[in-house]
Amino acid sequence: MYIGPLTTVEADLSMIRQLLTNLIGNAIKYTPPGHAAYVDITGTRTGDGRVCVEIADRGIGIPPGEHQAIFAGFHRAATGYTGTGLGLAICQRIAERHGGTITATDNPGGGARFTFTLPTADGPP
């Protein structure tokens, strides 16, 4: 696991803990059997008083056409894995509640990349 420098954000601690737990937990859970989990966590300021956090993995990835649908409650994009299908819907609600966004894309090295934005603690520069 790689964790880059992260900016302090203005957010509810328990909600952000849940957001990170869900995303990092999924990165580990959706690692193919027999492979080591690999997760990169990075954060960059966007210049408008926000921070953009990326969590990238080398897991099984997201099926084509499912990148937005995975944020709907009870949606299951992968078979053979346990879960309720609520984790990413919860992540989206947390990001939006803080005035941010969350998206999912393919990770160029294989796997998935989740990107979310949150307000920084010190506001715009």
N, C-alpha and C. Protein backbone atom coordinates (compact mmCIF):
# COMPACT_ATOMS: atom_id res chain seq x y z
N MET A 1 0.86 -1.17 0.00
CA MET A 1 0.00 0.00 0.00
C MET A 1 0.90 1.23 0.00
N TYR A 2 0.52 2.19 -0.81
CA TYR A 2 1.22 3.47 -0.86
C TYR A 2 0.22 4.55 -0.45
N ILE A 3 0.62 5.38 0.51
CA ILE A 3 -0.21 6.52 0.91
C ILE A 3 0.64 7.77 0.75
N GLY A 4 0.25 8.62 -0.19
CA GLY A 4 0.96 9.86 -0.43
C GLY A 4 0.55 10.92 0.58
N PRO A 5 1.17 12.08 0.53
CA PRO A 5 0.78 13.16 1.43
C PRO A 5 -0.67 13.56 1.19
N LEU A 6 -1.41 13.75 2.25
CA LEU A 6 -2.82 14.10 2.15
C LEU A 6 -3.07 15.44 2.84
N THR A 7 -3.97 16.22 2.27
CA THR A 7 -4.34 17.53 2.79
C THR A 7 -5.44 17.37 3.84
N THR A 8 -5.42 18.18 4.86
CA THR A 8 -6.47 18.18 5.86
C THR A 8 -7.76 18.67 5.23
N VAL A 9 -8.86 17.97 5.52
CA VAL A 9 -10.15 18.34 4.94
C VAL A 9 -11.11 18.79 6.04
N GLU A 10 -12.14 19.51 5.62
CA GLU A 10 -13.22 19.94 6.50
C GLU A 10 -14.35 18.94 6.31
N ALA A 11 -14.47 17.98 7.25
CA ALA A 11 -15.44 16.91 7.06
C ALA A 11 -15.76 16.23 8.38
N ASP A 12 -16.85 15.49 8.38
CA ASP A 12 -17.25 14.70 9.53
C ASP A 12 -16.35 13.47 9.61
N LEU A 13 -15.61 13.33 10.70
CA LEU A 13 -14.62 12.27 10.86
C LEU A 13 -15.20 10.88 10.67
N SER A 14 -16.34 10.60 11.30
CA SER A 14 -16.89 9.25 11.20
C SER A 14 -17.35 8.94 9.77
N MET A 15 -17.86 9.94 9.06
CA MET A 15 -18.28 9.70 7.68
C MET A 15 -17.08 9.46 6.77
N ILE A 16 -16.03 10.24 6.95
CA ILE A 16 -14.84 10.07 6.11
C ILE A 16 -14.16 8.74 6.43
N ARG A 17 -14.18 8.35 7.68
CA ARG A 17 -13.66 7.03 8.05
C ARG A 17 -14.44 5.94 7.31
N GLN A 18 -15.77 6.06 7.26
CA GLN A 18 -16.60 5.08 6.56
C GLN A 18 -16.31 5.08 5.06
N LEU A 19 -16.17 6.26 4.48
CA LEU A 19 -15.85 6.39 3.06
C LEU A 19 -14.54 5.67 2.74
N LEU A 20 -13.50 5.95 3.51
CA LEU A 20 -12.19 5.33 3.27
C LEU A 20 -12.22 3.83 3.55
N THR A 21 -12.91 3.43 4.61
CA THR A 21 -13.03 2.01 4.94
C THR A 21 -13.69 1.25 3.79
N ASN A 22 -14.76 1.81 3.25
CA ASN A 22 -15.46 1.15 2.13
C ASN A 22 -14.57 1.05 0.90
N LEU A 23 -13.92 2.14 0.53
CA LEU A 23 -13.12 2.12 -0.70
C LEU A 23 -11.87 1.26 -0.57
N ILE A 24 -11.16 1.37 0.55
CA ILE A 24 -9.96 0.56 0.74
C ILE A 24 -10.35 -0.91 0.94
N GLY A 25 -11.43 -1.14 1.67
CA GLY A 25 -11.92 -2.51 1.86
C GLY A 25 -12.27 -3.17 0.53
N ASN A 26 -12.93 -2.42 -0.37
CA ASN A 26 -13.26 -2.95 -1.69
C ASN A 26 -12.00 -3.23 -2.50
N ALA A 27 -11.02 -2.35 -2.40
CA ALA A 27 -9.76 -2.55 -3.13
C ALA A 27 -9.10 -3.87 -2.73
N ILE A 28 -9.17 -4.17 -1.47
CA ILE A 28 -8.59 -5.42 -0.97
C ILE A 28 -9.49 -6.61 -1.32
N LYS A 29 -10.78 -6.46 -1.07
CA LYS A 29 -11.74 -7.55 -1.30
C LYS A 29 -11.77 -8.01 -2.75
N TYR A 30 -11.69 -7.08 -3.70
CA TYR A 30 -11.80 -7.43 -5.10
C TYR A 30 -10.44 -7.67 -5.77
N THR A 31 -9.49 -8.15 -5.00
CA THR A 31 -8.20 -8.58 -5.52
C THR A 31 -8.36 -10.03 -5.97
N PRO A 32 -7.90 -10.37 -7.16
CA PRO A 32 -8.06 -11.76 -7.62
C PRO A 32 -7.39 -12.74 -6.66
N PRO A 33 -7.99 -13.91 -6.48
CA PRO A 33 -7.38 -14.93 -5.61
C PRO A 33 -5.95 -15.25 -6.05
N GLY A 34 -5.08 -15.39 -5.07
CA GLY A 34 -3.69 -15.72 -5.35
C GLY A 34 -2.82 -14.52 -5.66
N HIS A 35 -3.37 -13.32 -5.67
CA HIS A 35 -2.61 -12.10 -5.93
C HIS A 35 -2.56 -11.25 -4.67
N ALA A 36 -1.49 -10.52 -4.52
CA ALA A 36 -1.38 -9.59 -3.40
C ALA A 36 -2.18 -8.32 -3.71
N ALA A 37 -2.85 -7.80 -2.70
CA ALA A 37 -3.57 -6.53 -2.86
C ALA A 37 -2.56 -5.40 -2.97
N TYR A 38 -2.85 -4.45 -3.84
CA TYR A 38 -2.01 -3.27 -3.99
C TYR A 38 -2.92 -2.06 -4.10
N VAL A 39 -2.72 -1.10 -3.22
CA VAL A 39 -3.59 0.08 -3.18
C VAL A 39 -2.72 1.34 -3.09
N ASP A 40 -3.01 2.31 -3.94
CA ASP A 40 -2.36 3.63 -3.89
C ASP A 40 -3.40 4.64 -3.44
N ILE A 41 -3.03 5.47 -2.47
CA ILE A 41 -3.91 6.54 -2.00
C ILE A 41 -3.14 7.85 -2.13
N THR A 42 -3.68 8.76 -2.93
CA THR A 42 -3.02 10.05 -3.13
C THR A 42 -4.05 11.17 -3.02
N GLY A 43 -3.58 12.34 -2.70
CA GLY A 43 -4.45 13.51 -2.61
C GLY A 43 -3.76 14.73 -3.18
N THR A 44 -4.51 15.52 -3.91
CA THR A 44 -3.97 16.76 -4.47
C THR A 44 -5.00 17.87 -4.31
N ARG A 45 -4.50 19.06 -4.09
CA ARG A 45 -5.38 20.22 -4.03
C ARG A 45 -5.84 20.56 -5.43
N THR A 46 -7.09 20.99 -5.56
CA THR A 46 -7.62 21.32 -6.88
C THR A 46 -7.50 22.81 -7.19
N GLY A 47 -7.14 23.62 -6.22
CA GLY A 47 -7.01 25.06 -6.45
C GLY A 47 -8.26 25.85 -6.15
N ASP A 48 -9.37 25.17 -5.84
CA ASP A 48 -10.61 25.87 -5.55
C ASP A 48 -11.11 25.57 -4.13
N GLY A 49 -10.17 25.29 -3.23
CA GLY A 49 -10.55 24.99 -1.85
C GLY A 49 -10.98 23.56 -1.65
N ARG A 50 -10.59 22.71 -2.57
CA ARG A 50 -10.96 21.29 -2.48
C ARG A 50 -9.70 20.43 -2.58
N VAL A 51 -9.86 19.21 -2.14
CA VAL A 51 -8.82 18.21 -2.33
C VAL A 51 -9.45 17.06 -3.11
N CYS A 52 -8.68 16.52 -4.02
CA CYS A 52 -9.09 15.38 -4.82
C CYS A 52 -8.30 14.18 -4.33
N VAL A 53 -8.99 13.17 -3.81
CA VAL A 53 -8.35 11.96 -3.29
C VAL A 53 -8.60 10.83 -4.27
N GLU A 54 -7.53 10.10 -4.59
CA GLU A 54 -7.64 8.94 -5.48
C GLU A 54 -7.23 7.69 -4.74
N ILE A 55 -8.04 6.65 -4.90
CA ILE A 55 -7.71 5.34 -4.37
C ILE A 55 -7.71 4.39 -5.57
N ALA A 56 -6.52 3.92 -5.91
CA ALA A 56 -6.34 3.07 -7.08
C ALA A 56 -5.89 1.68 -6.63
N ASP A 57 -6.43 0.66 -7.29
CA ASP A 57 -6.05 -0.71 -6.94
C ASP A 57 -5.67 -1.49 -8.19
N ARG A 58 -5.24 -2.70 -7.99
CA ARG A 58 -4.88 -3.60 -9.09
C ARG A 58 -5.79 -4.83 -9.05
N GLY A 59 -7.04 -4.60 -8.65
CA GLY A 59 -8.00 -5.69 -8.49
C GLY A 59 -8.63 -6.13 -9.80
N ILE A 60 -9.85 -6.66 -9.69
CA ILE A 60 -10.53 -7.23 -10.86
C ILE A 60 -11.12 -6.15 -11.77
N GLY A 61 -11.17 -4.93 -11.30
CA GLY A 61 -11.69 -3.84 -12.12
C GLY A 61 -13.21 -3.79 -12.12
N ILE A 62 -13.74 -2.92 -12.93
CA ILE A 62 -15.18 -2.70 -13.05
C ILE A 62 -15.59 -3.08 -14.46
N PRO A 63 -16.63 -3.90 -14.60
CA PRO A 63 -17.05 -4.29 -15.94
C PRO A 63 -17.42 -3.07 -16.80
N PRO A 64 -17.17 -3.14 -18.11
CA PRO A 64 -17.54 -2.03 -19.00
C PRO A 64 -19.02 -1.66 -18.85
N GLY A 65 -19.28 -0.37 -18.83
CA GLY A 65 -20.65 0.12 -18.73
C GLY A 65 -21.21 0.16 -17.31
N GLU A 66 -20.42 -0.25 -16.31
CA GLU A 66 -20.90 -0.31 -14.93
C GLU A 66 -20.34 0.82 -14.06
N HIS A 67 -19.51 1.68 -14.60
CA HIS A 67 -18.79 2.67 -13.79
C HIS A 67 -19.70 3.63 -13.03
N GLN A 68 -20.85 3.96 -13.54
CA GLN A 68 -21.79 4.81 -12.82
C GLN A 68 -22.79 3.98 -12.03
N ALA A 69 -23.20 2.85 -12.59
CA ALA A 69 -24.22 2.00 -11.96
C ALA A 69 -23.77 1.45 -10.61
N ILE A 70 -22.47 1.31 -10.40
CA ILE A 70 -21.99 0.74 -9.13
C ILE A 70 -22.33 1.61 -7.93
N PHE A 71 -22.68 2.86 -8.15
CA PHE A 71 -23.03 3.75 -7.05
C PHE A 71 -24.52 3.67 -6.67
N ALA A 72 -25.30 2.89 -7.41
CA ALA A 72 -26.71 2.69 -7.07
C ALA A 72 -26.80 1.65 -5.95
N GLY A 73 -27.70 1.87 -5.01
CA GLY A 73 -27.86 0.92 -3.91
C GLY A 73 -28.24 -0.46 -4.40
N PHE A 74 -27.65 -1.47 -3.79
CA PHE A 74 -27.90 -2.89 -4.06
C PHE A 74 -27.39 -3.35 -5.42
N HIS A 75 -26.59 -2.54 -6.09
CA HIS A 75 -26.03 -2.95 -7.38
C HIS A 75 -24.78 -3.80 -7.13
N ARG A 76 -24.72 -4.95 -7.77
CA ARG A 76 -23.57 -5.84 -7.65
C ARG A 76 -22.96 -6.02 -9.03
N ALA A 77 -21.76 -5.49 -9.25
CA ALA A 77 -21.11 -5.59 -10.55
C ALA A 77 -20.30 -6.87 -10.67
N ALA A 78 -19.89 -7.46 -9.55
CA ALA A 78 -19.06 -8.66 -9.58
C ALA A 78 -19.80 -9.81 -8.89
N THR A 79 -19.69 -10.98 -9.46
CA THR A 79 -20.28 -12.16 -8.83
C THR A 79 -19.18 -12.93 -8.11
N GLY A 80 -19.59 -13.73 -7.15
CA GLY A 80 -18.63 -14.53 -6.41
C GLY A 80 -17.99 -13.82 -5.24
N TYR A 81 -18.44 -12.63 -4.91
CA TYR A 81 -17.93 -11.87 -3.78
C TYR A 81 -19.10 -11.53 -2.86
N THR A 82 -18.87 -11.56 -1.56
CA THR A 82 -19.94 -11.25 -0.62
C THR A 82 -20.14 -9.75 -0.51
N GLY A 83 -21.30 -9.36 -0.03
CA GLY A 83 -21.60 -7.95 0.19
C GLY A 83 -23.05 -7.64 -0.12
N THR A 84 -23.47 -6.46 0.30
CA THR A 84 -24.86 -6.05 0.11
C THR A 84 -25.06 -5.19 -1.13
N GLY A 85 -23.98 -4.63 -1.67
CA GLY A 85 -24.13 -3.71 -2.79
C GLY A 85 -24.47 -2.31 -2.33
N LEU A 86 -24.25 -2.01 -1.06
CA LEU A 86 -24.55 -0.68 -0.52
C LEU A 86 -23.31 0.19 -0.29
N GLY A 87 -22.14 -0.41 -0.22
CA GLY A 87 -20.93 0.32 0.14
C GLY A 87 -20.65 1.54 -0.72
N LEU A 88 -20.72 1.39 -2.03
CA LEU A 88 -20.41 2.52 -2.91
C LEU A 88 -21.52 3.55 -2.93
N ALA A 89 -22.77 3.11 -2.73
CA ALA A 89 -23.88 4.07 -2.61
C ALA A 89 -23.66 4.94 -1.37
N ILE A 90 -23.19 4.33 -0.29
CA ILE A 90 -22.89 5.08 0.93
C ILE A 90 -21.75 6.05 0.66
N CYS A 91 -20.72 5.62 -0.05
CA CYS A 91 -19.60 6.50 -0.38
C CYS A 91 -20.07 7.72 -1.16
N GLN A 92 -20.95 7.50 -2.12
CA GLN A 92 -21.46 8.62 -2.91
C GLN A 92 -22.24 9.60 -2.04
N ARG A 93 -23.06 9.09 -1.16
CA ARG A 93 -23.84 9.97 -0.27
C ARG A 93 -22.92 10.79 0.64
N ILE A 94 -21.87 10.16 1.15
CA ILE A 94 -20.93 10.87 2.02
C ILE A 94 -20.23 11.99 1.25
N ALA A 95 -19.72 11.68 0.07
CA ALA A 95 -19.04 12.70 -0.74
C ALA A 95 -19.99 13.85 -1.05
N GLU A 96 -21.20 13.53 -1.49
CA GLU A 96 -22.17 14.57 -1.83
C GLU A 96 -22.59 15.38 -0.61
N ARG A 97 -22.71 14.74 0.53
CA ARG A 97 -23.10 15.46 1.75
C ARG A 97 -22.07 16.52 2.12
N HIS A 98 -20.83 16.29 1.73
CA HIS A 98 -19.75 17.24 1.99
C HIS A 98 -19.54 18.20 0.81
N GLY A 99 -20.47 18.19 -0.15
CA GLY A 99 -20.36 19.09 -1.29
C GLY A 99 -19.38 18.59 -2.34
N GLY A 100 -19.02 17.32 -2.27
CA GLY A 100 -18.05 16.77 -3.20
C GLY A 100 -18.68 15.80 -4.19
N THR A 101 -17.83 15.14 -4.92
CA THR A 101 -18.24 14.17 -5.92
C THR A 101 -17.41 12.91 -5.76
N ILE A 102 -17.85 11.82 -6.37
CA ILE A 102 -17.07 10.59 -6.43
C ILE A 102 -17.30 9.95 -7.79
N THR A 103 -16.22 9.45 -8.39
CA THR A 103 -16.31 8.79 -9.68
C THR A 103 -15.46 7.53 -9.65
N ALA A 104 -15.73 6.64 -10.59
CA ALA A 104 -14.96 5.42 -10.75
C ALA A 104 -14.50 5.32 -12.20
N THR A 105 -13.24 4.98 -12.38
CA THR A 105 -12.68 4.78 -13.71
C THR A 105 -11.80 3.54 -13.67
N ASP A 106 -11.34 3.13 -14.84
CA ASP A 106 -10.38 2.03 -14.90
C ASP A 106 -9.01 2.57 -14.50
N ASN A 107 -8.26 1.77 -13.78
CA ASN A 107 -6.88 2.12 -13.44
C ASN A 107 -6.01 1.68 -14.62
N PRO A 108 -5.21 2.56 -15.19
CA PRO A 108 -4.40 2.18 -16.36
C PRO A 108 -3.53 0.94 -16.13
N GLY A 109 -3.11 0.67 -14.90
CA GLY A 109 -2.30 -0.52 -14.61
C GLY A 109 -3.14 -1.76 -14.35
N GLY A 110 -4.46 -1.66 -14.53
CA GLY A 110 -5.38 -2.75 -14.20
C GLY A 110 -6.07 -2.43 -12.90
N GLY A 111 -7.29 -2.86 -12.76
CA GLY A 111 -8.04 -2.58 -11.55
C GLY A 111 -8.93 -1.36 -11.70
N ALA A 112 -9.23 -0.74 -10.56
CA ALA A 112 -10.15 0.40 -10.53
C ALA A 112 -9.50 1.59 -9.85
N ARG A 113 -10.02 2.77 -10.19
CA ARG A 113 -9.57 4.01 -9.56
C ARG A 113 -10.80 4.80 -9.14
N PHE A 114 -10.90 5.09 -7.86
CA PHE A 114 -12.00 5.89 -7.32
C PHE A 114 -11.43 7.25 -6.95
N THR A 115 -12.13 8.30 -7.37
CA THR A 115 -11.70 9.67 -7.13
C THR A 115 -12.85 10.41 -6.46
N PHE A 116 -12.55 11.04 -5.32
CA PHE A 116 -13.58 11.85 -4.67
C PHE A 116 -12.99 13.18 -4.25
N THR A 117 -13.86 14.18 -4.13
CA THR A 117 -13.43 15.51 -3.72
C THR A 117 -14.10 15.89 -2.40
N LEU A 118 -13.36 16.66 -1.62
CA LEU A 118 -13.85 17.18 -0.33
C LEU A 118 -13.29 18.59 -0.15
N PRO A 119 -13.95 19.41 0.66
CA PRO A 119 -13.40 20.74 0.94
C PRO A 119 -12.16 20.65 1.84
N THR A 120 -11.16 21.47 1.56
CA THR A 120 -9.99 21.52 2.44
C THR A 120 -10.34 22.26 3.72
N ALA A 121 -9.58 22.01 4.76
CA ALA A 121 -9.83 22.64 6.05
C ALA A 121 -9.57 24.14 6.01
N ASP A 122 -8.65 24.57 5.15
CA ASP A 122 -8.31 26.00 5.12
C ASP A 122 -8.95 26.74 3.95
N GLY A 123 -9.83 26.09 3.21
CA GLY A 123 -10.56 26.77 2.13
C GLY A 123 -9.71 27.07 0.93
N PRO A 124 -10.21 27.91 0.01
CA PRO A 124 -9.46 28.26 -1.20
C PRO A 124 -8.17 28.98 -0.86
N PRO A 125 -7.14 28.79 -1.72
CA PRO A 125 -5.84 29.47 -1.46
C PRO A 125 -5.94 30.96 -1.59
